[in-house]
Amino acid sequence: MSDDTTFMRYQAPEELREPRPMSPEGDIFAWSMVSLEIISRVEPYPRQGTASLLYERTLLDKAPPTLEEHPSPLWEKCPGLWELIRSCQNWDRLQRPGLDYIISKLDEYVEKEDTSS
């Protein structure tokens, strides 16, 4: 975890553009990237091996992680989960969902799983 590309994979775009104190919106972005890796077992932006390639994809192209890069059976099992995670990666930090909304959506998935078991 010592190279720049490792940290860049999880940082919100606004934190990559100009260093600023961490914000709740930046934490939401980071949570989404960590969740993406946990669910798919693939780090965010797996094909961008250097800081310059990662910078180009995230800041210049504004290209988020893709479903093809992060396959998982959980996407089908929990319809809407991919969209929730993607909404947390919104380029505009003020358009990311709040923590209460995220928790309520995750609670829905847990409740659905509990009733189907």
PDB file of N, CA and C in Angstrom:
ATOM      1  N   MET A   1       0.824  -1.203   0.000  1.00  0.00           N
ATOM      2  CA  MET A   1       0.000   0.000   0.000  1.00  0.00           C
ATOM      3  C   MET A   1       0.865   1.263   0.000  1.00  0.00           C
ATOM      4  N   SER A   2       2.073   1.177  -0.483  1.00  0.00           N
ATOM      5  CA  SER A   2       2.927   2.342  -0.385  1.00  0.00           C
ATOM      6  C   SER A   2       3.021   3.150  -1.674  1.00  0.00           C
ATOM      7  N   ASP A   3       2.603   2.600  -2.810  1.00  0.00           N
ATOM      8  CA  ASP A   3       2.749   3.377  -4.034  1.00  0.00           C
ATOM      9  C   ASP A   3       1.525   4.254  -4.290  1.00  0.00           C
ATOM     10  N   ASP A   4       1.731   5.301  -5.076  1.00  0.00           N
ATOM     11  CA  ASP A   4       0.671   6.278  -5.344  1.00  0.00           C
ATOM     12  C   ASP A   4      -0.554   5.656  -5.990  1.00  0.00           C
ATOM     13  N   THR A   5      -0.353   4.698  -6.886  1.00  0.00           N
ATOM     14  CA  THR A   5      -1.507   4.137  -7.592  1.00  0.00           C
ATOM     15  C   THR A   5      -2.440   3.400  -6.648  1.00  0.00           C
ATOM     16  N   THR A   6      -1.913   2.813  -5.599  1.00  0.00           N
ATOM     17  CA  THR A   6      -2.771   2.104  -4.649  1.00  0.00           C
ATOM     18  C   THR A   6      -3.756   3.075  -4.017  1.00  0.00           C
ATOM     19  N   PHE A   7      -3.278   4.194  -3.530  1.00  0.00           N
ATOM     20  CA  PHE A   7      -4.158   5.171  -2.894  1.00  0.00           C
ATOM     21  C   PHE A   7      -5.106   5.814  -3.896  1.00  0.00           C
ATOM     22  N   MET A   8      -4.617   6.081  -5.089  1.00  0.00           N
ATOM     23  CA  MET A   8      -5.429   6.742  -6.108  1.00  0.00           C
ATOM     24  C   MET A   8      -6.659   5.922  -6.486  1.00  0.00           C
ATOM     25  N   ARG A   9      -6.578   4.616  -6.385  1.00  0.00           N
ATOM     26  CA  ARG A   9      -7.700   3.757  -6.773  1.00  0.00           C
ATOM     27  C   ARG A   9      -8.925   3.968  -5.887  1.00  0.00           C
ATOM     28  N   TYR A  10      -8.729   4.483  -4.714  1.00  0.00           N
ATOM     29  CA  TYR A  10      -9.809   4.610  -3.730  1.00  0.00           C
ATOM     30  C   TYR A  10     -10.182   6.060  -3.429  1.00  0.00           C
ATOM     31  N   GLN A  11      -9.389   7.007  -3.908  1.00  0.00           N
ATOM     32  CA  GLN A  11      -9.626   8.414  -3.600  1.00  0.00           C
ATOM     33  C   GLN A  11     -10.660   9.022  -4.535  1.00  0.00           C
ATOM     34  N   ALA A  12     -11.478   9.885  -3.982  1.00  0.00           N
ATOM     35  CA  ALA A  12     -12.470  10.608  -4.771  1.00  0.00           C
ATOM     36  C   ALA A  12     -11.763  11.548  -5.744  1.00  0.00           C
ATOM     37  N   PRO A  13     -12.375  11.766  -6.905  1.00  0.00           N
ATOM     38  CA  PRO A  13     -11.735  12.645  -7.902  1.00  0.00           C
ATOM     39  C   PRO A  13     -11.369  14.027  -7.362  1.00  0.00           C
ATOM     40  N   GLU A  14     -12.233  14.578  -6.525  1.00  0.00           N
ATOM     41  CA  GLU A  14     -11.937  15.920  -6.003  1.00  0.00           C
ATOM     42  C   GLU A  14     -10.701  15.909  -5.107  1.00  0.00           C
ATOM     43  N   GLU A  15     -10.420  14.788  -4.480  1.00  0.00           N
ATOM     44  CA  GLU A  15      -9.230  14.689  -3.640  1.00  0.00           C
ATOM     45  C   GLU A  15      -7.981  14.450  -4.478  1.00  0.00           C
ATOM     46  N   LEU A  16      -8.157  13.881  -5.660  1.00  0.00           N
ATOM     47  CA  LEU A  16      -7.022  13.698  -6.563  1.00  0.00           C
ATOM     48  C   LEU A  16      -6.667  15.012  -7.264  1.00  0.00           C
ATOM     49  N   ARG A  17      -7.695  15.805  -7.572  1.00  0.00           N
ATOM     50  CA  ARG A  17      -7.459  17.075  -8.279  1.00  0.00           C
ATOM     51  C   ARG A  17      -6.709  18.062  -7.414  1.00  0.00           C
ATOM     52  N   GLU A  18      -7.163  18.223  -6.202  1.00  0.00           N
ATOM     53  CA  GLU A  18      -6.514  19.165  -5.300  1.00  0.00           C
ATOM     54  C   GLU A  18      -6.625  18.629  -3.879  1.00  0.00           C
ATOM     55  N   PRO A  19      -5.496  18.418  -3.257  1.00  0.00           N
ATOM     56  CA  PRO A  19      -5.545  17.889  -1.890  1.00  0.00           C
ATOM     57  C   PRO A  19      -6.391  18.795  -1.000  1.00  0.00           C
ATOM     58  N   ARG A  20      -7.296  18.179  -0.278  1.00  0.00           N
ATOM     59  CA  ARG A  20      -8.147  18.897   0.656  1.00  0.00           C
ATOM     60  C   ARG A  20      -8.472  17.951   1.788  1.00  0.00           C
ATOM     61  N   PRO A  21      -8.986  18.471   2.867  1.00  0.00           N
ATOM     62  CA  PRO A  21      -9.351  17.574   3.967  1.00  0.00           C
ATOM     63  C   PRO A  21     -10.389  16.551   3.514  1.00  0.00           C
ATOM     64  N   MET A  22     -10.347  15.413   4.109  1.00  0.00           N
ATOM     65  CA  MET A  22     -11.321  14.373   3.797  1.00  0.00           C
ATOM     66  C   MET A  22     -12.720  14.916   4.076  1.00  0.00           C
ATOM     67  N   SER A  23     -13.677  14.418   3.313  1.00  0.00           N
ATOM     68  CA  SER A  23     -15.062  14.850   3.482  1.00  0.00           C
ATOM     69  C   SER A  23     -15.956  13.622   3.527  1.00  0.00           C
ATOM     70  N   PRO A  24     -17.171  13.763   4.032  1.00  0.00           N
ATOM     71  CA  PRO A  24     -18.098  12.626   4.009  1.00  0.00           C
ATOM     72  C   PRO A  24     -18.334  12.114   2.585  1.00  0.00           C
ATOM     73  N   GLU A  25     -18.390  13.029   1.612  1.00  0.00           N
ATOM     74  CA  GLU A  25     -18.595  12.613   0.225  1.00  0.00           C
ATOM     75  C   GLU A  25     -17.395  11.818  -0.298  1.00  0.00           C
ATOM     76  N   GLY A  26     -16.206  12.214   0.114  1.00  0.00           N
ATOM     77  CA  GLY A  26     -15.008  11.462  -0.264  1.00  0.00           C
ATOM     78  C   GLY A  26     -14.992  10.090   0.387  1.00  0.00           C
ATOM     79  N   ASP A  27     -15.484  10.018   1.619  1.00  0.00           N
ATOM     80  CA  ASP A  27     -15.570   8.722   2.315  1.00  0.00           C
ATOM     81  C   ASP A  27     -16.570   7.806   1.621  1.00  0.00           C
ATOM     82  N   ILE A  28     -17.677   8.364   1.133  1.00  0.00           N
ATOM     83  CA  ILE A  28     -18.673   7.578   0.403  1.00  0.00           C
ATOM     84  C   ILE A  28     -18.034   6.999  -0.855  1.00  0.00           C
ATOM     85  N   PHE A  29     -17.273   7.822  -1.566  1.00  0.00           N
ATOM     86  CA  PHE A  29     -16.581   7.353  -2.762  1.00  0.00           C
ATOM     87  C   PHE A  29     -15.620   6.210  -2.402  1.00  0.00           C
ATOM     88  N   ALA A  30     -14.809   6.419  -1.386  1.00  0.00           N
ATOM     89  CA  ALA A  30     -13.836   5.393  -0.976  1.00  0.00           C
ATOM     90  C   ALA A  30     -14.547   4.110  -0.563  1.00  0.00           C
ATOM     91  N   TRP A  31     -15.655   4.231   0.174  1.00  0.00           N
ATOM     92  CA  TRP A  31     -16.429   3.044   0.565  1.00  0.00           C
ATOM     93  C   TRP A  31     -16.878   2.267  -0.669  1.00  0.00           C
ATOM     94  N   SER A  32     -17.325   2.994  -1.684  1.00  0.00           N
ATOM     95  CA  SER A  32     -17.807   2.311  -2.891  1.00  0.00           C
ATOM     96  C   SER A  32     -16.687   1.547  -3.592  1.00  0.00           C
ATOM     97  N   MET A  33     -15.507   2.108  -3.592  1.00  0.00           N
ATOM     98  CA  MET A  33     -14.375   1.441  -4.251  1.00  0.00           C
ATOM     99  C   MET A  33     -13.929   0.208  -3.454  1.00  0.00           C
ATOM    100  N   VAL A  34     -13.910   0.317  -2.145  1.00  0.00           N
ATOM    101  CA  VAL A  34     -13.560  -0.831  -1.305  1.00  0.00           C
ATOM    102  C   VAL A  34     -14.626  -1.918  -1.458  1.00  0.00           C
ATOM    103  N   SER A  35     -15.891  -1.522  -1.464  1.00  0.00           N
ATOM    104  CA  SER A  35     -16.978  -2.495  -1.638  1.00  0.00           C
ATOM    105  C   SER A  35     -16.874  -3.188  -2.979  1.00  0.00           C
ATOM    106  N   LEU A  36     -16.549  -2.425  -4.003  1.00  0.00           N
ATOM    107  CA  LEU A  36     -16.372  -2.989  -5.341  1.00  0.00           C
ATOM    108  C   LEU A  36     -15.303  -4.074  -5.337  1.00  0.00           C
ATOM    109  N   GLU A  37     -14.208  -3.798  -4.672  1.00  0.00           N
ATOM    110  CA  GLU A  37     -13.123  -4.781  -4.609  1.00  0.00           C
ATOM    111  C   GLU A  37     -13.526  -6.008  -3.784  1.00  0.00           C
ATOM    112  N   ILE A  38     -14.210  -5.804  -2.685  1.00  0.00           N
ATOM    113  CA  ILE A  38     -14.632  -6.927  -1.843  1.00  0.00           C
ATOM    114  C   ILE A  38     -15.605  -7.826  -2.613  1.00  0.00           C
ATOM    115  N   ILE A  39     -16.562  -7.211  -3.287  1.00  0.00           N
ATOM    116  CA  ILE A  39     -17.587  -7.977  -4.003  1.00  0.00           C
ATOM    117  C   ILE A  39     -17.007  -8.731  -5.197  1.00  0.00           C
ATOM    118  N   SER A  40     -16.145  -8.074  -5.956  1.00  0.00           N
ATOM    119  CA  SER A  40     -15.641  -8.691  -7.187  1.00  0.00           C
ATOM    120  C   SER A  40     -14.266  -9.348  -7.033  1.00  0.00           C
ATOM    121  N   ARG A  41     -13.594  -9.034  -5.945  1.00  0.00           N
ATOM    122  CA  ARG A  41     -12.225  -9.528  -5.722  1.00  0.00           C
ATOM    123  C   ARG A  41     -11.239  -9.011  -6.766  1.00  0.00           C
ATOM    124  N   VAL A  42     -11.560  -7.833  -7.292  1.00  0.00           N
ATOM    125  CA  VAL A  42     -10.702  -7.171  -8.279  1.00  0.00           C
ATOM    126  C   VAL A  42     -10.537  -5.724  -7.839  1.00  0.00           C
ATOM    127  N   GLU A  43      -9.295  -5.251  -7.743  1.00  0.00           N
ATOM    128  CA  GLU A  43      -9.075  -3.869  -7.326  1.00  0.00           C
ATOM    129  C   GLU A  43      -9.663  -2.909  -8.357  1.00  0.00           C
ATOM    130  N   PRO A  44     -10.070  -1.722  -7.927  1.00  0.00           N
ATOM    131  CA  PRO A  44     -10.575  -0.743  -8.881  1.00  0.00           C
ATOM    132  C   PRO A  44      -9.525  -0.394  -9.936  1.00  0.00           C
ATOM    133  N   TYR A  45      -9.975  -0.217 -11.148  1.00  0.00           N
ATOM    134  CA  TYR A  45      -9.111   0.128 -12.274  1.00  0.00           C
ATOM    135  C   TYR A  45      -7.961  -0.877 -12.429  1.00  0.00           C
ATOM    136  N   PRO A  46      -8.267  -2.142 -12.606  1.00  0.00           N
ATOM    137  CA  PRO A  46      -7.220  -3.166 -12.602  1.00  0.00           C
ATOM    138  C   PRO A  46      -6.212  -3.057 -13.748  1.00  0.00           C
ATOM    139  N   ARG A  47      -6.592  -2.422 -14.847  1.00  0.00           N
ATOM    140  CA  ARG A  47      -5.680  -2.345 -16.006  1.00  0.00           C
ATOM    141  C   ARG A  47      -4.802  -1.105 -15.999  1.00  0.00           C
ATOM    142  N   GLN A  48      -5.043  -0.210 -15.043  1.00  0.00           N
ATOM    143  CA  GLN A  48      -4.248   1.012 -14.960  1.00  0.00           C
ATOM    144  C   GLN A  48      -3.133   0.786 -13.940  1.00  0.00           C
ATOM    145  N   GLY A  49      -1.963   0.403 -14.431  1.00  0.00           N
ATOM    146  CA  GLY A  49      -0.868   0.018 -13.549  1.00  0.00           C
ATOM    147  C   GLY A  49       0.042   1.151 -13.108  1.00  0.00           C
ATOM    148  N   THR A  50      -0.069   2.296 -13.756  1.00  0.00           N
ATOM    149  CA  THR A  50       0.795   3.411 -13.372  1.00  0.00           C
ATOM    150  C   THR A  50      -0.064   4.603 -12.958  1.00  0.00           C
ATOM    151  N   ALA A  51       0.534   5.497 -12.206  1.00  0.00           N
ATOM    152  CA  ALA A  51      -0.194   6.681 -11.742  1.00  0.00           C
ATOM    153  C   ALA A  51      -0.682   7.507 -12.923  1.00  0.00           C
ATOM    154  N   SER A  52       0.120   7.619 -13.982  1.00  0.00           N
ATOM    155  CA  SER A  52      -0.300   8.446 -15.128  1.00  0.00           C
ATOM    156  C   SER A  52      -1.493   7.824 -15.849  1.00  0.00           C
ATOM    157  N   LEU A  53      -1.531   6.507 -15.998  1.00  0.00           N
ATOM    158  CA  LEU A  53      -2.683   5.850 -16.626  1.00  0.00           C
ATOM    159  C   LEU A  53      -3.931   5.988 -15.760  1.00  0.00           C
ATOM    160  N   LEU A  54      -3.752   5.844 -14.463  1.00  0.00           N
ATOM    161  CA  LEU A  54      -4.877   5.975 -13.534  1.00  0.00           C
ATOM    162  C   LEU A  54      -5.400   7.414 -13.530  1.00  0.00           C
ATOM    163  N   TYR A  55      -4.481   8.360 -13.534  1.00  0.00           N
ATOM    164  CA  TYR A  55      -4.857   9.779 -13.577  1.00  0.00           C
ATOM    165  C   TYR A  55      -5.646  10.066 -14.857  1.00  0.00           C
ATOM    166  N   GLU A  56      -5.164   9.553 -15.969  1.00  0.00           N
ATOM    167  CA  GLU A  56      -5.837   9.779 -17.246  1.00  0.00           C
ATOM    168  C   GLU A  56      -7.255   9.219 -17.224  1.00  0.00           C
ATOM    169  N   ARG A  57      -7.415   8.015 -16.714  1.00  0.00           N
ATOM    170  CA  ARG A  57      -8.740   7.398 -16.718  1.00  0.00           C
ATOM    171  C   ARG A  57      -9.691   8.077 -15.737  1.00  0.00           C
ATOM    172  N   THR A  58      -9.222   8.383 -14.556  1.00  0.00           N
ATOM    173  CA  THR A  58     -10.127   8.915 -13.536  1.00  0.00           C
ATOM    174  C   THR A  58     -10.379  10.414 -13.684  1.00  0.00           C
ATOM    175  N   LEU A  59      -9.365  11.181 -13.973  1.00  0.00           N
ATOM    176  CA  LEU A  59      -9.528  12.632 -13.986  1.00  0.00           C
ATOM    177  C   LEU A  59      -9.733  13.221 -15.376  1.00  0.00           C
ATOM    178  N   LEU A  60      -9.034  12.717 -16.357  1.00  0.00           N
ATOM    179  CA  LEU A  60      -9.183  13.279 -17.696  1.00  0.00           C
ATOM    180  C   LEU A  60     -10.392  12.685 -18.416  1.00  0.00           C
ATOM    181  N   ASP A  61     -10.502  11.361 -18.398  1.00  0.00           N
ATOM    182  CA  ASP A  61     -11.609  10.705 -19.094  1.00  0.00           C
ATOM    183  C   ASP A  61     -12.865  10.598 -18.236  1.00  0.00           C
ATOM    184  N   LYS A  62     -12.721  10.783 -16.930  1.00  0.00           N
ATOM    185  CA  LYS A  62     -13.829  10.637 -15.983  1.00  0.00           C
ATOM    186  C   LYS A  62     -14.513   9.282 -16.145  1.00  0.00           C
ATOM    187  N   ALA A  63     -13.714   8.253 -16.369  1.00  0.00           N
ATOM    188  CA  ALA A  63     -14.241   6.911 -16.617  1.00  0.00           C
ATOM    189  C   ALA A  63     -14.257   6.093 -15.325  1.00  0.00           C
ATOM    190  N   PRO A  64     -15.434   5.740 -14.841  1.00  0.00           N
ATOM    191  CA  PRO A  64     -15.545   4.947 -13.612  1.00  0.00           C
ATOM    192  C   PRO A  64     -15.231   3.474 -13.866  1.00  0.00           C
ATOM    193  N   PRO A  65     -15.088   2.698 -12.815  1.00  0.00           N
ATOM    194  CA  PRO A  65     -14.932   1.253 -12.977  1.00  0.00           C
ATOM    195  C   PRO A  65     -16.141   0.692 -13.736  1.00  0.00           C
ATOM    196  N   THR A  66     -15.923  -0.393 -14.451  1.00  0.00           N
ATOM    197  CA  THR A  66     -17.001  -0.986 -15.240  1.00  0.00           C
ATOM    198  C   THR A  66     -17.410  -2.340 -14.679  1.00  0.00           C
ATOM    199  N   LEU A  67     -18.610  -2.740 -15.031  1.00  0.00           N
ATOM    200  CA  LEU A  67     -19.143  -4.036 -14.631  1.00  0.00           C
ATOM    201  C   LEU A  67     -18.293  -5.168 -15.212  1.00  0.00           C
ATOM    202  N   GLU A  68     -17.802  -4.978 -16.416  1.00  0.00           N
ATOM    203  CA  GLU A  68     -16.960  -6.000 -17.053  1.00  0.00           C
ATOM    204  C   GLU A  68     -15.654  -6.216 -16.291  1.00  0.00           C
ATOM    205  N   GLU A  69     -15.127  -5.167 -15.690  1.00  0.00           N
ATOM    206  CA  GLU A  69     -13.890  -5.273 -14.910  1.00  0.00           C
ATOM    207  C   GLU A  69     -14.132  -5.914 -13.551  1.00  0.00           C
ATOM    208  N   HIS A  70     -15.389  -5.910 -13.105  1.00  0.00           N
ATOM    209  CA  HIS A  70     -15.715  -6.350 -11.743  1.00  0.00           C
ATOM    210  C   HIS A  70     -16.885  -7.340 -11.731  1.00  0.00           C
ATOM    211  N   PRO A  71     -16.701  -8.483 -12.376  1.00  0.00           N
ATOM    212  CA  PRO A  71     -17.791  -9.463 -12.400  1.00  0.00           C
ATOM    213  C   PRO A  71     -18.021 -10.087 -11.021  1.00  0.00           C
ATOM    214  N   SER A  72     -19.286 -10.365 -10.739  1.00  0.00           N
ATOM    215  CA  SER A  72     -19.637 -11.036  -9.490  1.00  0.00           C
ATOM    216  C   SER A  72     -21.065 -11.562  -9.596  1.00  0.00           C
ATOM    217  N   PRO A  73     -21.315 -12.740  -9.053  1.00  0.00           N
ATOM    218  CA  PRO A  73     -22.697 -13.239  -9.028  1.00  0.00           C
ATOM    219  C   PRO A  73     -23.599 -12.386  -8.128  1.00  0.00           C
ATOM    220  N   LEU A  74     -23.011 -11.602  -7.256  1.00  0.00           N
ATOM    221  CA  LEU A  74     -23.800 -10.773  -6.350  1.00  0.00           C
ATOM    222  C   LEU A  74     -24.589  -9.692  -7.086  1.00  0.00           C
ATOM    223  N   TRP A  75     -24.093  -9.257  -8.243  1.00  0.00           N
ATOM    224  CA  TRP A  75     -24.813  -8.236  -9.002  1.00  0.00           C
ATOM    225  C   TRP A  75     -26.200  -8.737  -9.394  1.00  0.00           C
ATOM    226  N   GLU A  76     -26.304 -10.014  -9.762  1.00  0.00           N
ATOM    227  CA  GLU A  76     -27.609 -10.579 -10.117  1.00  0.00           C
ATOM    228  C   GLU A  76     -28.436 -10.899  -8.881  1.00  0.00           C
ATOM    229  N   LYS A  77     -27.772 -11.324  -7.849  1.00  0.00           N
ATOM    230  CA  LYS A  77     -28.470 -11.697  -6.614  1.00  0.00           C
ATOM    231  C   LYS A  77     -29.073 -10.476  -5.911  1.00  0.00           C
ATOM    232  N   CYS A  78     -28.428  -9.351  -6.041  1.00  0.00           N
ATOM    233  CA  CYS A  78     -28.896  -8.111  -5.401  1.00  0.00           C
ATOM    234  C   CYS A  78     -29.109  -7.044  -6.473  1.00  0.00           C
ATOM    235  N   PRO A  79     -30.218  -7.136  -7.215  1.00  0.00           N
ATOM    236  CA  PRO A  79     -30.468  -6.124  -8.249  1.00  0.00           C
ATOM    237  C   PRO A  79     -30.449  -4.719  -7.639  1.00  0.00           C
ATOM    238  N   GLY A  80     -29.758  -3.841  -8.296  1.00  0.00           N
ATOM    239  CA  GLY A  80     -29.653  -2.471  -7.807  1.00  0.00           C
ATOM    240  C   GLY A  80     -28.369  -2.184  -7.044  1.00  0.00           C
ATOM    241  N   LEU A  81     -27.668  -3.221  -6.622  1.00  0.00           N
ATOM    242  CA  LEU A  81     -26.435  -3.004  -5.858  1.00  0.00           C
ATOM    243  C   LEU A  81     -25.368  -2.321  -6.709  1.00  0.00           C
ATOM    244  N   TRP A  82     -25.221  -2.766  -7.963  1.00  0.00           N
ATOM    245  CA  TRP A  82     -24.241  -2.133  -8.850  1.00  0.00           C
ATOM    246  C   TRP A  82     -24.571  -0.640  -9.005  1.00  0.00           C
ATOM    247  N   GLU A  83     -25.843  -0.325  -9.207  1.00  0.00           N
ATOM    248  CA  GLU A  83     -26.241   1.064  -9.383  1.00  0.00           C
ATOM    249  C   GLU A  83     -25.984   1.875  -8.108  1.00  0.00           C
ATOM    250  N   LEU A  84     -26.211   1.271  -6.956  1.00  0.00           N
ATOM    251  CA  LEU A  84     -25.921   1.959  -5.696  1.00  0.00           C
ATOM    252  C   LEU A  84     -24.437   2.290  -5.596  1.00  0.00           C
ATOM    253  N   ILE A  85     -23.605   1.310  -5.860  1.00  0.00           N
ATOM    254  CA  ILE A  85     -22.161   1.535  -5.778  1.00  0.00           C
ATOM    255  C   ILE A  85     -21.721   2.577  -6.804  1.00  0.00           C
ATOM    256  N   ARG A  86     -22.260   2.477  -8.002  1.00  0.00           N
ATOM    257  CA  ARG A  86     -21.896   3.451  -9.035  1.00  0.00           C
ATOM    258  C   ARG A  86     -22.351   4.866  -8.656  1.00  0.00           C
ATOM    259  N   SER A  87     -23.510   4.994  -8.023  1.00  0.00           N
ATOM    260  CA  SER A  87     -23.976   6.324  -7.631  1.00  0.00           C
ATOM    261  C   SER A  87     -23.036   6.946  -6.594  1.00  0.00           C
ATOM    262  N   CYS A  88     -22.378   6.115  -5.826  1.00  0.00           N
ATOM    263  CA  CYS A  88     -21.416   6.596  -4.827  1.00  0.00           C
ATOM    264  C   CYS A  88     -20.111   7.052  -5.473  1.00  0.00           C
ATOM    265  N   GLN A  89     -19.936   6.740  -6.749  1.00  0.00           N
ATOM    266  CA  GLN A  89     -18.735   7.122  -7.487  1.00  0.00           C
ATOM    267  C   GLN A  89     -19.006   8.302  -8.412  1.00  0.00           C
ATOM    268  N   ASN A  90     -20.103   9.002  -8.192  1.00  0.00           N
ATOM    269  CA  ASN A  90     -20.465  10.129  -9.039  1.00  0.00           C
ATOM    270  C   ASN A  90     -19.332  11.146  -9.058  1.00  0.00           C
ATOM    271  N   TRP A  91     -19.039  11.668 -10.244  1.00  0.00           N
ATOM    272  CA  TRP A  91     -17.971  12.647 -10.389  1.00  0.00           C
ATOM    273  C   TRP A  91     -18.251  13.891  -9.545  1.00  0.00           C
ATOM    274  N   ASP A  92     -19.521  14.277  -9.474  1.00  0.00           N
ATOM    275  CA  ASP A  92     -19.925  15.432  -8.668  1.00  0.00           C
ATOM    276  C   ASP A  92     -20.184  14.948  -7.237  1.00  0.00           C
ATOM    277  N   ARG A  93     -19.352  15.348  -6.331  1.00  0.00           N
ATOM    278  CA  ARG A  93     -19.442  14.835  -4.957  1.00  0.00           C
ATOM    279  C   ARG A  93     -20.787  15.137  -4.306  1.00  0.00           C
ATOM    280  N   LEU A  94     -21.419  16.221  -4.707  1.00  0.00           N
ATOM    281  CA  LEU A  94     -22.706  16.580  -4.113  1.00  0.00           C
ATOM    282  C   LEU A  94     -23.858  15.732  -4.654  1.00  0.00           C
ATOM    283  N   GLN A  95     -23.598  14.968  -5.689  1.00  0.00           N
ATOM    284  CA  GLN A  95     -24.610  14.072  -6.255  1.00  0.00           C
ATOM    285  C   GLN A  95     -24.510  12.649  -5.690  1.00  0.00           C
ATOM    286  N   ARG A  96     -23.513  12.394  -4.864  1.00  0.00           N
ATOM    287  CA  ARG A  96     -23.383  11.067  -4.243  1.00  0.00           C
ATOM    288  C   ARG A  96     -24.444  10.913  -3.161  1.00  0.00           C
ATOM    289  N   PRO A  97     -24.973   9.705  -2.994  1.00  0.00           N
ATOM    290  CA  PRO A  97     -25.980   9.517  -1.949  1.00  0.00           C
ATOM    291  C   PRO A  97     -25.362   9.677  -0.564  1.00  0.00           C
ATOM    292  N   GLY A  98     -26.220  10.011   0.380  1.00  0.00           N
ATOM    293  CA  GLY A  98     -25.780  10.145   1.763  1.00  0.00           C
ATOM    294  C   GLY A  98     -25.713   8.792   2.461  1.00  0.00           C
ATOM    295  N   LEU A  99     -25.097   8.801   3.602  1.00  0.00           N
ATOM    296  CA  LEU A  99     -24.909   7.571   4.365  1.00  0.00           C
ATOM    297  C   LEU A  99     -26.240   6.931   4.763  1.00  0.00           C
ATOM    298  N   ASP A 100     -27.206   7.721   5.167  1.00  0.00           N
ATOM    299  CA  ASP A 100     -28.510   7.164   5.562  1.00  0.00           C
ATOM    300  C   ASP A 100     -29.156   6.405   4.411  1.00  0.00           C
ATOM    301  N   TYR A 101     -29.075   6.960   3.213  1.00  0.00           N
ATOM    302  CA  TYR A 101     -29.653   6.296   2.042  1.00  0.00           C
ATOM    303  C   TYR A 101     -28.929   4.977   1.760  1.00  0.00           C
ATOM    304  N   ILE A 102     -27.612   5.009   1.805  1.00  0.00           N
ATOM    305  CA  ILE A 102     -26.825   3.795   1.540  1.00  0.00           C
ATOM    306  C   ILE A 102     -27.170   2.706   2.552  1.00  0.00           C
ATOM    307  N   ILE A 103     -27.222   3.071   3.801  1.00  0.00           N
ATOM    308  CA  ILE A 103     -27.542   2.089   4.844  1.00  0.00           C
ATOM    309  C   ILE A 103     -28.943   1.528   4.634  1.00  0.00           C
ATOM    310  N   SER A 104     -29.904   2.366   4.276  1.00  0.00           N
ATOM    311  CA  SER A 104     -31.267   1.859   4.060  1.00  0.00           C
ATOM    312  C   SER A 104     -31.310   0.885   2.890  1.00  0.00           C
ATOM    313  N   LYS A 105     -30.563   1.170   1.830  1.00  0.00           N
ATOM    314  CA  LYS A 105     -30.523   0.247   0.682  1.00  0.00           C
ATOM    315  C   LYS A 105     -29.857  -1.071   1.074  1.00  0.00           C
ATOM    316  N   LEU A 106     -28.777  -1.007   1.820  1.00  0.00           N
ATOM    317  CA  LEU A 106     -28.104  -2.238   2.252  1.00  0.00           C
ATOM    318  C   LEU A 106     -29.005  -3.039   3.188  1.00  0.00           C
ATOM    319  N   ASP A 107     -29.741  -2.344   4.050  1.00  0.00           N
ATOM    320  CA  ASP A 107     -30.708  -3.030   4.915  1.00  0.00           C
ATOM    321  C   ASP A 107     -31.757  -3.770   4.086  1.00  0.00           C
ATOM    322  N   GLU A 108     -32.201  -3.157   2.985  1.00  0.00           N
ATOM    323  CA  GLU A 108     -33.169  -3.818   2.106  1.00  0.00           C
ATOM    324  C   GLU A 108     -32.610  -5.133   1.560  1.00  0.00           C
ATOM    325  N   TYR A 109     -31.342  -5.120   1.155  1.00  0.00           N
ATOM    326  CA  TYR A 109     -30.725  -6.350   0.631  1.00  0.00           C
ATOM    327  C   TYR A 109     -30.654  -7.424   1.704  1.00  0.00           C
ATOM    328  N   VAL A 110     -30.311  -7.036   2.914  1.00  0.00           N
ATOM    329  CA  VAL A 110     -30.220  -7.988   4.023  1.00  0.00           C
ATOM    330  C   VAL A 110     -31.599  -8.557   4.340  1.00  0.00           C
ATOM    331  N   GLU A 111     -32.602  -7.704   4.398  1.00  0.00           N
ATOM    332  CA  GLU A 111     -33.964  -8.162   4.683  1.00  0.00           C
ATOM    333  C   GLU A 111     -34.453  -9.119   3.600  1.00  0.00           C
ATOM    334  N   LYS A 112     -34.184  -8.792   2.347  1.00  0.00           N
ATOM    335  CA  LYS A 112     -34.572  -9.660   1.236  1.00  0.00           C
ATOM    336  C   LYS A 112     -33.916 -11.023   1.377  1.00  0.00           C
ATOM    337  N   GLU A 113     -32.639 -11.012   1.722  1.00  0.00           N
ATOM    338  CA  GLU A 113     -31.902 -12.272   1.875  1.00  0.00           C
ATOM    339  C   GLU A 113     -32.460 -13.079   3.052  1.00  0.00           C
ATOM    340  N   ASP A 114     -32.787 -12.396   4.149  1.00  0.00           N
ATOM    341  CA  ASP A 114     -33.344 -13.075   5.316  1.00  0.00           C
ATOM    342  C   ASP A 114     -34.672 -13.745   5.004  1.00  0.00           C
ATOM    343  N   THR A 115     -35.518 -13.087   4.217  1.00  0.00           N
ATOM    344  CA  THR A 115     -36.837 -13.663   3.908  1.00  0.00           C
ATOM    345  C   THR A 115     -36.757 -14.760   2.868  1.00  0.00           C
ATOM    346  N   SER A 116     -35.702 -14.748   2.031  1.00  0.00           N
ATOM    347  CA  SER A 116     -35.590 -15.790   1.004  1.00  0.00           C
ATOM    348  C   SER A 116     -34.864 -17.033   1.522  1.00  0.00           C
ATOM    349  N   SER A 117     -34.254 -16.948   2.695  1.00  0.00           N
ATOM    350  CA  SER A 117     -33.510 -18.107   3.229  1.00  0.00           C
ATOM    351  C   SER A 117     -34.417 -19.068   3.947  1.00  0.00           C
TER     352      SER A 117
END
